[in-house]
């Protein structure tokens, strides 16, 4: 057979093979990007109990604390309970960064994994202000997630006045971080009147509110009033958080923790009522009350934050009602 008629066929086969290779590479790249940046429409499927049992370890508890929700009180209780209940509590270094890149999430997971390996206790608990992190993306089992929430307006007001009393207490400053300018306004009412960005919440803008701590590090999780972020946060609560406490329901919170996570919280109710002399540990005693006008304006702007808060409050109430009578 002459080479002349064969060459066009070879060129055709070569082009087809090249297209197939490019298609495979494109599919691999797309899959990689989907792992790194989950879809705005979802992220996690609805996990059943069997899936959670297979992918979650009962030996590690992670309290990824929402700021200004009474988390220092719960950390103090964990520290007091660790010797009594045979686990070790470790405080991860606090930092202003709660939103992490893919590589920073990997470093967080690796740090927790290393500390678990070094511990001589059968169970370990950790705490840090950081958004929900999917440990399975890095080849690790999920910890038992735990968190505590608060009425969104109360949390926002607490954070506003706390920043004026003790700005960024104990938080490590990452390289390249620029400290914010001193606050312009001393009262929340004045701040809202002049529509300062510190207290003005606009739909679609990014904020460090409650939902990202359950939704995760995806960009849309920080968007105010994003329905996909709310949906993903709820699904992740149902899958990975046996208990999410509510500061306004502290007795119910502790009772549910004691029942659902006894290896960590056995005896917490007695400890809280008998030994914790400052139940509002880390509270700003000089904070003025929030006016009805300010509360109404903020509630309107934080509508999905309230949707999430009310969902968590109802969930906790149901868990409390279902506790066995003792």
C-alpha atoms as a PDB file:
ATOM      1  CA  UNK A   1       0.000   0.000   0.000  1.00  0.00           C
ATOM      2  CA  UNK A   2       1.316   3.446  -0.964  1.00  0.00           C
ATOM      3  CA  UNK A   3       2.096   5.931   1.866  1.00  0.00           C
ATOM      4  CA  UNK A   4       0.147   8.691   0.110  1.00  0.00           C
ATOM      5  CA  UNK A   5      -3.422   7.359   0.705  1.00  0.00           C
ATOM      6  CA  UNK A   6      -2.482   6.146   4.199  1.00  0.00           C
ATOM      7  CA  UNK A   7      -1.276   9.480   5.571  1.00  0.00           C
ATOM      8  CA  UNK A   8      -4.675  11.224   5.653  1.00  0.00           C
ATOM      9  CA  UNK A   9      -6.104   8.222   7.540  1.00  0.00           C
ATOM     10  CA  UNK A  10      -3.269   8.360  10.083  1.00  0.00           C
ATOM     11  CA  UNK A  11      -3.747  12.054  10.481  1.00  0.00           C
ATOM     12  CA  UNK A  12      -7.464  11.442  11.106  1.00  0.00           C
ATOM     13  CA  UNK A  13      -6.770   8.736  13.690  1.00  0.00           C
ATOM     14  CA  UNK A  14      -4.144  10.939  15.369  1.00  0.00           C
ATOM     15  CA  UNK A  15      -6.545  13.864  15.572  1.00  0.00           C
ATOM     16  CA  UNK A  16      -9.245  11.641  17.083  1.00  0.00           C
ATOM     17  CA  UNK A  17      -6.798  10.266  19.644  1.00  0.00           C
ATOM     18  CA  UNK A  18      -5.708  13.803  20.521  1.00  0.00           C
ATOM     19  CA  UNK A  19      -9.323  14.862  21.008  1.00  0.00           C
ATOM     20  CA  UNK A  20      -9.935  11.882  23.288  1.00  0.00           C
ATOM     21  CA  UNK A  21      -6.870  12.722  25.389  1.00  0.00           C
ATOM     22  CA  UNK A  22      -7.970  16.353  25.682  1.00  0.00           C
ATOM     23  CA  UNK A  23     -11.469  15.251  26.707  1.00  0.00           C
ATOM     24  CA  UNK A  24     -10.084  12.991  29.449  1.00  0.00           C
ATOM     25  CA  UNK A  25      -7.817  15.780  30.719  1.00  0.00           C
ATOM     26  CA  UNK A  26     -10.744  18.226  30.743  1.00  0.00           C
ATOM     27  CA  UNK A  27     -12.890  15.771  32.719  1.00  0.00           C
ATOM     28  CA  UNK A  28     -10.097  15.242  35.254  1.00  0.00           C
ATOM     29  CA  UNK A  29      -9.583  18.998  35.651  1.00  0.00           C
ATOM     30  CA  UNK A  30     -13.317  19.589  36.102  1.00  0.00           C
ATOM     31  CA  UNK A  31     -13.528  16.878  38.763  1.00  0.00           C
ATOM     32  CA  UNK A  32     -10.535  18.388  40.572  1.00  0.00           C
ATOM     33  CA  UNK A  33     -12.131  21.835  40.554  1.00  0.00           C
ATOM     34  CA  UNK A  34     -15.387  20.402  41.867  1.00  0.00           C
ATOM     35  CA  UNK A  35     -13.523  18.917  44.839  1.00  0.00           C
ATOM     36  CA  UNK A  36     -11.782  22.221  45.535  1.00  0.00           C
ATOM     37  CA  UNK A  37     -14.815  24.445  44.907  1.00  0.00           C
ATOM     38  CA  UNK A  38     -18.138  22.692  45.537  1.00  0.00           C
ATOM     39  CA  UNK A  39     -21.164  23.769  43.550  1.00  0.00           C
ATOM     40  CA  UNK A  40     -23.133  26.823  44.648  1.00  0.00           C
ATOM     41  CA  UNK A  41     -26.238  24.664  44.445  1.00  0.00           C
ATOM     42  CA  UNK A  42     -25.226  22.202  47.064  1.00  0.00           C
ATOM     43  CA  UNK A  43     -22.010  20.475  48.004  1.00  0.00           C
ATOM     44  CA  UNK A  44     -23.039  17.577  50.208  1.00  0.00           C
ATOM     45  CA  UNK A  45     -25.714  15.014  49.522  1.00  0.00           C
ATOM     46  CA  UNK A  46     -28.105  14.078  52.304  1.00  0.00           C
ATOM     47  CA  UNK A  47     -26.159  11.528  54.324  1.00  0.00           C
ATOM     48  CA  UNK A  48     -27.878   8.660  56.077  1.00  0.00           C
ATOM     49  CA  UNK A  49     -26.840   7.364  59.496  1.00  0.00           C
ATOM     50  CA  UNK A  50     -24.809   4.515  57.991  1.00  0.00           C
ATOM     51  CA  UNK A  51     -22.737   6.867  55.852  1.00  0.00           C
ATOM     52  CA  UNK A  52     -22.035   9.137  58.823  1.00  0.00           C
ATOM     53  CA  UNK A  53     -21.046   6.172  61.013  1.00  0.00           C
ATOM     54  CA  UNK A  54     -18.564   5.005  58.359  1.00  0.00           C
ATOM     55  CA  UNK A  55     -16.996   8.431  57.801  1.00  0.00           C
ATOM     56  CA  UNK A  56     -16.995   9.944  61.304  1.00  0.00           C
ATOM     57  CA  UNK A  57     -14.758   9.034  64.230  1.00  0.00           C
ATOM     58  CA  UNK A  58     -16.219   9.108  67.738  1.00  0.00           C
ATOM     59  CA  UNK A  59     -12.766   9.726  69.225  1.00  0.00           C
ATOM     60  CA  UNK A  60     -12.323  13.329  68.052  1.00  0.00           C
ATOM     61  CA  UNK A  61     -14.560  16.297  68.910  1.00  0.00           C
ATOM     62  CA  UNK A  62     -14.134  19.609  67.063  1.00  0.00           C
ATOM     63  CA  UNK A  63     -15.759  22.755  68.456  1.00  0.00           C
ATOM     64  CA  UNK A  64     -15.403  25.172  65.503  1.00  0.00           C
ATOM     65  CA  UNK A  65     -16.607  28.102  67.562  1.00  0.00           C
ATOM     66  CA  UNK A  66     -18.879  30.877  66.296  1.00  0.00           C
ATOM     67  CA  UNK A  67     -17.575  34.105  67.912  1.00  0.00           C
ATOM     68  CA  UNK A  68     -19.543  35.856  70.660  1.00  0.00           C
ATOM     69  CA  UNK A  69     -21.910  32.972  71.319  1.00  0.00           C
ATOM     70  CA  UNK A  70     -20.712  31.910  74.768  1.00  0.00           C
ATOM     71  CA  UNK A  71     -18.028  29.617  73.391  1.00  0.00           C
ATOM     72  CA  UNK A  72     -15.482  30.452  76.107  1.00  0.00           C
ATOM     73  CA  UNK A  73     -17.932  29.138  78.697  1.00  0.00           C
ATOM     74  CA  UNK A  74     -18.228  25.825  76.859  1.00  0.00           C
ATOM     75  CA  UNK A  75     -14.445  25.595  76.389  1.00  0.00           C
ATOM     76  CA  UNK A  76     -13.985  26.155  80.125  1.00  0.00           C
ATOM     77  CA  UNK A  77     -16.404  23.304  80.845  1.00  0.00           C
ATOM     78  CA  UNK A  78     -14.519  21.026  78.440  1.00  0.00           C
ATOM     79  CA  UNK A  79     -11.253  21.860  80.177  1.00  0.00           C
ATOM     80  CA  UNK A  80     -12.759  21.028  83.557  1.00  0.00           C
ATOM     81  CA  UNK A  81     -14.367  17.804  82.317  1.00  0.00           C
ATOM     82  CA  UNK A  82     -11.366  16.348  80.482  1.00  0.00           C
ATOM     83  CA  UNK A  83      -9.752  14.694  83.521  1.00  0.00           C
ATOM     84  CA  UNK A  84     -13.070  13.450  84.892  1.00  0.00           C
ATOM     85  CA  UNK A  85     -14.231  11.928  81.600  1.00  0.00           C
ATOM     86  CA  UNK A  86     -10.911  10.618  80.287  1.00  0.00           C
ATOM     87  CA  UNK A  87     -10.254  12.814  77.264  1.00  0.00           C
ATOM     88  CA  UNK A  88      -7.857  15.640  76.448  1.00  0.00           C
ATOM     89  CA  UNK A  89      -8.893  19.087  75.285  1.00  0.00           C
ATOM     90  CA  UNK A  90      -6.523  21.034  73.031  1.00  0.00           C
ATOM     91  CA  UNK A  91      -6.929  24.677  72.063  1.00  0.00           C
ATOM     92  CA  UNK A  92      -5.804  25.309  68.500  1.00  0.00           C
ATOM     93  CA  UNK A  93      -4.131  28.651  67.896  1.00  0.00           C
ATOM     94  CA  UNK A  94      -6.748  31.366  67.479  1.00  0.00           C
ATOM     95  CA  UNK A  95      -6.379  33.579  64.423  1.00  0.00           C
ATOM     96  CA  UNK A  96      -8.287  36.256  62.553  1.00  0.00           C
ATOM     97  CA  UNK A  97      -8.548  33.833  59.596  1.00  0.00           C
ATOM     98  CA  UNK A  98     -11.755  31.791  59.747  1.00  0.00           C
ATOM     99  CA  UNK A  99     -12.056  31.427  55.961  1.00  0.00           C
ATOM    100  CA  UNK A 100      -9.270  29.137  54.737  1.00  0.00           C
ATOM    101  CA  UNK A 101      -7.893  28.269  51.314  1.00  0.00           C
ATOM    102  CA  UNK A 102      -7.796  24.650  50.175  1.00  0.00           C
ATOM    103  CA  UNK A 103      -4.169  24.302  51.301  1.00  0.00           C
ATOM    104  CA  UNK A 104      -4.842  26.005  54.640  1.00  0.00           C
ATOM    105  CA  UNK A 105      -7.696  23.585  55.279  1.00  0.00           C
ATOM    106  CA  UNK A 106      -5.310  20.714  54.538  1.00  0.00           C
ATOM    107  CA  UNK A 107      -2.836  22.144  57.070  1.00  0.00           C
ATOM    108  CA  UNK A 108      -5.585  22.381  59.701  1.00  0.00           C
ATOM    109  CA  UNK A 109      -6.653  18.776  59.136  1.00  0.00           C
ATOM    110  CA  UNK A 110      -3.023  17.624  59.242  1.00  0.00           C
ATOM    111  CA  UNK A 111      -2.374  19.506  62.511  1.00  0.00           C
ATOM    112  CA  UNK A 112      -5.389  17.897  64.171  1.00  0.00           C
ATOM    113  CA  UNK A 113      -4.393  14.470  62.862  1.00  0.00           C
ATOM    114  CA  UNK A 114      -0.869  14.837  64.242  1.00  0.00           C
ATOM    115  CA  UNK A 115      -2.123  15.942  67.668  1.00  0.00           C
ATOM    116  CA  UNK A 116      -4.524  13.019  67.814  1.00  0.00           C
ATOM    117  CA  UNK A 117      -1.650  10.630  67.068  1.00  0.00           C
ATOM    118  CA  UNK A 118       0.498  12.228  69.793  1.00  0.00           C
ATOM    119  CA  UNK A 119      -2.199  12.081  72.469  1.00  0.00           C
ATOM    120  CA  UNK A 120      -2.175   9.274  75.005  1.00  0.00           C
ATOM    121  CA  UNK A 121      -5.882   9.756  75.795  1.00  0.00           C
ATOM    122  CA  UNK A 122      -8.482   7.621  73.961  1.00  0.00           C
ATOM    123  CA  UNK A 123     -10.455  10.727  72.978  1.00  0.00           C
ATOM    124  CA  UNK A 124      -9.417  14.259  72.082  1.00  0.00           C
ATOM    125  CA  UNK A 125     -11.343  17.515  71.661  1.00  0.00           C
ATOM    126  CA  UNK A 126     -10.279  20.716  69.897  1.00  0.00           C
ATOM    127  CA  UNK A 127     -11.589  24.251  69.572  1.00  0.00           C
ATOM    128  CA  UNK A 128     -10.938  27.103  67.172  1.00  0.00           C
ATOM    129  CA  UNK A 129     -12.846  29.899  65.420  1.00  0.00           C
ATOM    130  CA  UNK A 130     -12.954  28.442  61.884  1.00  0.00           C
ATOM    131  CA  UNK A 131     -15.515  27.591  59.223  1.00  0.00           C
ATOM    132  CA  UNK A 132     -16.720  24.024  58.689  1.00  0.00           C
ATOM    133  CA  UNK A 133     -13.969  21.905  57.106  1.00  0.00           C
ATOM    134  CA  UNK A 134     -14.596  18.655  55.260  1.00  0.00           C
ATOM    135  CA  UNK A 135     -11.927  16.291  56.606  1.00  0.00           C
ATOM    136  CA  UNK A 136     -12.873  13.532  54.147  1.00  0.00           C
ATOM    137  CA  UNK A 137     -11.573  15.685  51.275  1.00  0.00           C
ATOM    138  CA  UNK A 138      -8.100  15.110  52.719  1.00  0.00           C
ATOM    139  CA  UNK A 139      -8.372  11.394  53.458  1.00  0.00           C
ATOM    140  CA  UNK A 140      -9.337  11.734  57.141  1.00  0.00           C
ATOM    141  CA  UNK A 141     -12.500  10.748  58.947  1.00  0.00           C
ATOM    142  CA  UNK A 142     -14.781  13.538  60.088  1.00  0.00           C
ATOM    143  CA  UNK A 143     -14.657  14.550  63.750  1.00  0.00           C
ATOM    144  CA  UNK A 144     -17.787  14.952  65.836  1.00  0.00           C
ATOM    145  CA  UNK A 145     -18.601  18.584  65.137  1.00  0.00           C
ATOM    146  CA  UNK A 146     -19.973  20.808  67.898  1.00  0.00           C
ATOM    147  CA  UNK A 147     -21.041  24.448  67.988  1.00  0.00           C
ATOM    148  CA  UNK A 148     -22.992  27.039  69.935  1.00  0.00           C
ATOM    149  CA  UNK A 149     -25.127  29.796  68.396  1.00  0.00           C
ATOM    150  CA  UNK A 150     -26.879  32.924  69.577  1.00  0.00           C
ATOM    151  CA  UNK A 151     -29.662  35.284  68.506  1.00  0.00           C
ATOM    152  CA  UNK A 152     -28.127  37.026  65.444  1.00  0.00           C
ATOM    153  CA  UNK A 153     -28.823  40.591  66.592  1.00  0.00           C
ATOM    154  CA  UNK A 154     -27.557  39.871  70.101  1.00  0.00           C
ATOM    155  CA  UNK A 155     -24.422  38.289  68.638  1.00  0.00           C
ATOM    156  CA  UNK A 156     -23.824  41.215  66.313  1.00  0.00           C
ATOM    157  CA  UNK A 157     -24.308  43.757  69.128  1.00  0.00           C
ATOM    158  CA  UNK A 158     -22.030  41.778  71.440  1.00  0.00           C
ATOM    159  CA  UNK A 159     -19.323  41.673  68.794  1.00  0.00           C
ATOM    160  CA  UNK A 160     -19.723  45.411  68.068  1.00  0.00           C
ATOM    161  CA  UNK A 161     -19.204  46.483  71.694  1.00  0.00           C
ATOM    162  CA  UNK A 162     -16.659  43.784  72.511  1.00  0.00           C
ATOM    163  CA  UNK A 163     -14.416  45.044  69.691  1.00  0.00           C
ATOM    164  CA  UNK A 164     -14.370  48.432  71.439  1.00  0.00           C
ATOM    165  CA  UNK A 165     -13.560  46.957  74.837  1.00  0.00           C
ATOM    166  CA  UNK A 166     -10.933  44.335  73.868  1.00  0.00           C
ATOM    167  CA  UNK A 167     -10.085  44.352  70.140  1.00  0.00           C
ATOM    168  CA  UNK A 168      -9.117  40.899  68.835  1.00  0.00           C
ATOM    169  CA  UNK A 169      -8.183  39.323  72.188  1.00  0.00           C
ATOM    170  CA  UNK A 170      -5.696  36.469  71.882  1.00  0.00           C
ATOM    171  CA  UNK A 171      -5.936  36.283  68.102  1.00  0.00           C
ATOM    172  CA  UNK A 172      -2.772  35.616  66.114  1.00  0.00           C
ATOM    173  CA  UNK A 173      -2.093  38.015  63.249  1.00  0.00           C
ATOM    174  CA  UNK A 174      -1.218  36.215  59.987  1.00  0.00           C
ATOM    175  CA  UNK A 175       1.546  37.541  57.702  1.00  0.00           C
ATOM    176  CA  UNK A 176       0.396  40.506  55.657  1.00  0.00           C
ATOM    177  CA  UNK A 177      -2.589  41.235  57.893  1.00  0.00           C
ATOM    178  CA  UNK A 178      -3.442  44.936  58.203  1.00  0.00           C
ATOM    179  CA  UNK A 179      -5.151  45.955  61.427  1.00  0.00           C
ATOM    180  CA  UNK A 180      -8.467  47.720  60.848  1.00  0.00           C
ATOM    181  CA  UNK A 181      -8.832  51.398  61.590  1.00  0.00           C
ATOM    182  CA  UNK A 182     -10.195  52.344  65.025  1.00  0.00           C
ATOM    183  CA  UNK A 183     -14.023  52.222  65.153  1.00  0.00           C
ATOM    184  CA  UNK A 184     -15.750  55.443  64.131  1.00  0.00           C
ATOM    185  CA  UNK A 185     -18.800  55.081  66.313  1.00  0.00           C
ATOM    186  CA  UNK A 186     -19.253  54.155  69.948  1.00  0.00           C
ATOM    187  CA  UNK A 187     -22.933  53.132  69.774  1.00  0.00           C
ATOM    188  CA  UNK A 188     -24.745  50.710  67.509  1.00  0.00           C
ATOM    189  CA  UNK A 189     -27.522  53.239  66.940  1.00  0.00           C
ATOM    190  CA  UNK A 190     -25.063  55.835  65.667  1.00  0.00           C
ATOM    191  CA  UNK A 191     -23.312  53.264  63.501  1.00  0.00           C
ATOM    192  CA  UNK A 192     -26.594  52.305  61.824  1.00  0.00           C
ATOM    193  CA  UNK A 193     -27.711  55.911  61.454  1.00  0.00           C
ATOM    194  CA  UNK A 194     -24.634  56.698  59.358  1.00  0.00           C
ATOM    195  CA  UNK A 195     -24.788  53.328  57.551  1.00  0.00           C
ATOM    196  CA  UNK A 196     -21.235  52.406  58.468  1.00  0.00           C
ATOM    197  CA  UNK A 197     -20.082  49.122  56.831  1.00  0.00           C
ATOM    198  CA  UNK A 198     -19.378  47.640  60.286  1.00  0.00           C
ATOM    199  CA  UNK A 199     -23.081  47.440  61.056  1.00  0.00           C
ATOM    200  CA  UNK A 200     -24.732  47.640  57.623  1.00  0.00           C
ATOM    201  CA  UNK A 201     -25.554  44.256  56.096  1.00  0.00           C
ATOM    202  CA  UNK A 202     -26.241  44.075  52.355  1.00  0.00           C
ATOM    203  CA  UNK A 203     -27.582  40.984  50.600  1.00  0.00           C
ATOM    204  CA  UNK A 204     -24.926  39.375  48.399  1.00  0.00           C
ATOM    205  CA  UNK A 205     -21.975  40.873  50.260  1.00  0.00           C
ATOM    206  CA  UNK A 206     -19.558  38.710  52.264  1.00  0.00           C
ATOM    207  CA  UNK A 207     -19.717  38.689  56.070  1.00  0.00           C
ATOM    208  CA  UNK A 208     -18.350  36.633  58.948  1.00  0.00           C
ATOM    209  CA  UNK A 209     -21.735  35.655  60.398  1.00  0.00           C
ATOM    210  CA  UNK A 210     -23.056  32.320  61.718  1.00  0.00           C
ATOM    211  CA  UNK A 211     -23.941  30.407  58.537  1.00  0.00           C
ATOM    212  CA  UNK A 212     -20.346  30.109  57.186  1.00  0.00           C
ATOM    213  CA  UNK A 213     -19.284  28.203  60.328  1.00  0.00           C
ATOM    214  CA  UNK A 214     -21.628  25.407  59.231  1.00  0.00           C
ATOM    215  CA  UNK A 215     -21.642  25.909  55.445  1.00  0.00           C
ATOM    216  CA  UNK A 216     -17.873  25.981  54.923  1.00  0.00           C
ATOM    217  CA  UNK A 217     -15.115  27.773  53.053  1.00  0.00           C
ATOM    218  CA  UNK A 218     -16.860  28.101  49.691  1.00  0.00           C
ATOM    219  CA  UNK A 219     -17.218  31.754  48.642  1.00  0.00           C
ATOM    220  CA  UNK A 220     -21.011  31.629  48.525  1.00  0.00           C
ATOM    221  CA  UNK A 221     -21.138  30.499  52.178  1.00  0.00           C
ATOM    222  CA  UNK A 222     -20.209  34.030  53.262  1.00  0.00           C
ATOM    223  CA  UNK A 223     -22.765  35.754  51.041  1.00  0.00           C
ATOM    224  CA  UNK A 224     -25.526  37.311  53.097  1.00  0.00           C
ATOM    225  CA  UNK A 225     -28.980  35.795  52.499  1.00  0.00           C
ATOM    226  CA  UNK A 226     -27.696  33.156  50.070  1.00  0.00           C
ATOM    227  CA  UNK A 227     -30.251  30.322  49.924  1.00  0.00           C
ATOM    228  CA  UNK A 228     -27.664  27.749  48.791  1.00  0.00           C
ATOM    229  CA  UNK A 229     -25.462  28.589  51.794  1.00  0.00           C
ATOM    230  CA  UNK A 230     -28.412  28.194  54.171  1.00  0.00           C
ATOM    231  CA  UNK A 231     -29.369  24.850  52.616  1.00  0.00           C
ATOM    232  CA  UNK A 232     -25.822  23.486  52.752  1.00  0.00           C
ATOM    233  CA  UNK A 233     -25.373  24.653  56.350  1.00  0.00           C
ATOM    234  CA  UNK A 234     -28.522  22.794  57.410  1.00  0.00           C
ATOM    235  CA  UNK A 235     -27.478  19.607  55.623  1.00  0.00           C
ATOM    236  CA  UNK A 236     -24.067  19.684  57.243  1.00  0.00           C
ATOM    237  CA  UNK A 237     -25.650  20.202  60.656  1.00  0.00           C
ATOM    238  CA  UNK A 238     -27.852  17.139  60.170  1.00  0.00           C
ATOM    239  CA  UNK A 239     -24.914  15.035  58.985  1.00  0.00           C
ATOM    240  CA  UNK A 240     -22.031  16.026  61.245  1.00  0.00           C
ATOM    241  CA  UNK A 241     -23.308  17.951  64.298  1.00  0.00           C
ATOM    242  CA  UNK A 242     -25.052  15.708  66.853  1.00  0.00           C
ATOM    243  CA  UNK A 243     -25.681  18.819  68.950  1.00  0.00           C
ATOM    244  CA  UNK A 244     -25.684  22.534  68.206  1.00  0.00           C
ATOM    245  CA  UNK A 245     -26.312  24.476  71.383  1.00  0.00           C
ATOM    246  CA  UNK A 246     -28.163  27.770  71.764  1.00  0.00           C
ATOM    247  CA  UNK A 247     -26.843  30.332  74.253  1.00  0.00           C
ATOM    248  CA  UNK A 248     -30.345  31.507  75.162  1.00  0.00           C
ATOM    249  CA  UNK A 249     -31.185  27.858  76.006  1.00  0.00           C
ATOM    250  CA  UNK A 250     -28.074  26.996  78.001  1.00  0.00           C
ATOM    251  CA  UNK A 251     -29.746  24.479  80.350  1.00  0.00           C
ATOM    252  CA  UNK A 252     -31.322  22.590  77.443  1.00  0.00           C
ATOM    253  CA  UNK A 253     -28.003  22.762  75.584  1.00  0.00           C
ATOM    254  CA  UNK A 254     -26.049  21.197  78.441  1.00  0.00           C
ATOM    255  CA  UNK A 255     -28.697  18.529  79.076  1.00  0.00           C
ATOM    256  CA  UNK A 256     -28.663  17.488  75.403  1.00  0.00           C
ATOM    257  CA  UNK A 257     -24.849  17.493  75.325  1.00  0.00           C
ATOM    258  CA  UNK A 258     -24.726  15.342  78.452  1.00  0.00           C
ATOM    259  CA  UNK A 259     -27.086  12.795  76.874  1.00  0.00           C
ATOM    260  CA  UNK A 260     -25.819  12.703  73.275  1.00  0.00           C
ATOM    261  CA  UNK A 261     -22.066  13.102  73.951  1.00  0.00           C
ATOM    262  CA  UNK A 262     -21.560  11.489  77.385  1.00  0.00           C
ATOM    263  CA  UNK A 263     -17.895  10.603  76.764  1.00  0.00           C
ATOM    264  CA  UNK A 264     -17.178  14.330  76.772  1.00  0.00           C
ATOM    265  CA  UNK A 265     -20.017  15.961  78.710  1.00  0.00           C
ATOM    266  CA  UNK A 266     -21.027  13.501  81.451  1.00  0.00           C
ATOM    267  CA  UNK A 267     -21.669  15.548  84.602  1.00  0.00           C
ATOM    268  CA  UNK A 268     -21.715  18.911  82.802  1.00  0.00           C
ATOM    269  CA  UNK A 269     -25.036  20.059  84.298  1.00  0.00           C
ATOM    270  CA  UNK A 270     -23.867  19.633  87.885  1.00  0.00           C
ATOM    271  CA  UNK A 271     -20.533  21.207  87.052  1.00  0.00           C
ATOM    272  CA  UNK A 272     -22.193  24.231  85.444  1.00  0.00           C
ATOM    273  CA  UNK A 273     -24.674  24.880  88.254  1.00  0.00           C
ATOM    274  CA  UNK A 274     -22.419  24.056  91.195  1.00  0.00           C
ATOM    275  CA  UNK A 275     -18.917  25.106  90.161  1.00  0.00           C
ATOM    276  CA  UNK A 276     -19.066  27.591  87.308  1.00  0.00           C
ATOM    277  CA  UNK A 277     -19.283  30.850  89.226  1.00  0.00           C
ATOM    278  CA  UNK A 278     -19.276  33.071  86.118  1.00  0.00           C
ATOM    279  CA  UNK A 279     -21.736  31.523  83.657  1.00  0.00           C
ATOM    280  CA  UNK A 280     -21.314  34.480  81.297  1.00  0.00           C
ATOM    281  CA  UNK A 281     -17.550  34.151  81.142  1.00  0.00           C
ATOM    282  CA  UNK A 282     -15.900  36.700  78.819  1.00  0.00           C
ATOM    283  CA  UNK A 283     -18.995  38.898  78.858  1.00  0.00           C
ATOM    284  CA  UNK A 284     -18.734  42.665  78.292  1.00  0.00           C
ATOM    285  CA  UNK A 285     -20.452  44.095  81.351  1.00  0.00           C
ATOM    286  CA  UNK A 286     -20.500  47.645  79.918  1.00  0.00           C
ATOM    287  CA  UNK A 287     -22.526  46.810  76.834  1.00  0.00           C
ATOM    288  CA  UNK A 288     -25.734  48.886  76.535  1.00  0.00           C
ATOM    289  CA  UNK A 289     -29.048  47.250  75.560  1.00  0.00           C
ATOM    290  CA  UNK A 290     -30.084  47.161  71.903  1.00  0.00           C
ATOM    291  CA  UNK A 291     -32.962  49.512  71.053  1.00  0.00           C
ATOM    292  CA  UNK A 292     -36.144  48.077  69.442  1.00  0.00           C
ATOM    293  CA  UNK A 293     -35.542  50.196  66.319  1.00  0.00           C
ATOM    294  CA  UNK A 294     -32.037  48.839  65.810  1.00  0.00           C
ATOM    295  CA  UNK A 295     -33.192  45.288  66.484  1.00  0.00           C
ATOM    296  CA  UNK A 296     -36.006  45.554  63.918  1.00  0.00           C
ATOM    297  CA  UNK A 297     -33.691  46.983  61.235  1.00  0.00           C
ATOM    298  CA  UNK A 298     -31.040  44.302  61.761  1.00  0.00           C
ATOM    299  CA  UNK A 299     -33.588  41.475  61.813  1.00  0.00           C
ATOM    300  CA  UNK A 300     -34.804  42.553  58.383  1.00  0.00           C
ATOM    301  CA  UNK A 301     -31.276  42.514  56.950  1.00  0.00           C
ATOM    302  CA  UNK A 302     -30.326  39.215  58.618  1.00  0.00           C
ATOM    303  CA  UNK A 303     -33.396  37.258  57.509  1.00  0.00           C
ATOM    304  CA  UNK A 304     -31.640  33.989  56.555  1.00  0.00           C
ATOM    305  CA  UNK A 305     -29.421  34.177  59.621  1.00  0.00           C
ATOM    306  CA  UNK A 306     -32.656  34.137  61.625  1.00  0.00           C
ATOM    307  CA  UNK A 307     -34.006  31.284  59.523  1.00  0.00           C
ATOM    308  CA  UNK A 308     -30.919  29.264  60.438  1.00  0.00           C
ATOM    309  CA  UNK A 309     -31.014  30.303  64.102  1.00  0.00           C
ATOM    310  CA  UNK A 310     -34.687  29.370  64.467  1.00  0.00           C
ATOM    311  CA  UNK A 311     -34.053  26.016  62.769  1.00  0.00           C
ATOM    312  CA  UNK A 312     -31.256  25.260  65.261  1.00  0.00           C
ATOM    313  CA  UNK A 313     -33.377  26.402  68.194  1.00  0.00           C
ATOM    314  CA  UNK A 314     -36.249  24.131  67.111  1.00  0.00           C
ATOM    315  CA  UNK A 315     -33.832  21.218  66.596  1.00  0.00           C
ATOM    316  CA  UNK A 316     -32.390  21.653  70.086  1.00  0.00           C
ATOM    317  CA  UNK A 317     -35.886  21.975  71.579  1.00  0.00           C
ATOM    318  CA  UNK A 318     -36.944  18.709  69.944  1.00  0.00           C
ATOM    319  CA  UNK A 319     -33.815  16.935  71.218  1.00  0.00           C
ATOM    320  CA  UNK A 320     -34.464  18.267  74.721  1.00  0.00           C
ATOM    321  CA  UNK A 321     -38.110  17.134  74.717  1.00  0.00           C
ATOM    322  CA  UNK A 322     -37.039  13.639  73.622  1.00  0.00           C
ATOM    323  CA  UNK A 323     -34.585  13.187  76.519  1.00  0.00           C
ATOM    324  CA  UNK A 324     -35.496  10.311  78.845  1.00  0.00           C
ATOM    325  CA  UNK A 325     -37.108  11.401  82.128  1.00  0.00           C
ATOM    326  CA  UNK A 326     -34.751  10.819  85.069  1.00  0.00           C
END
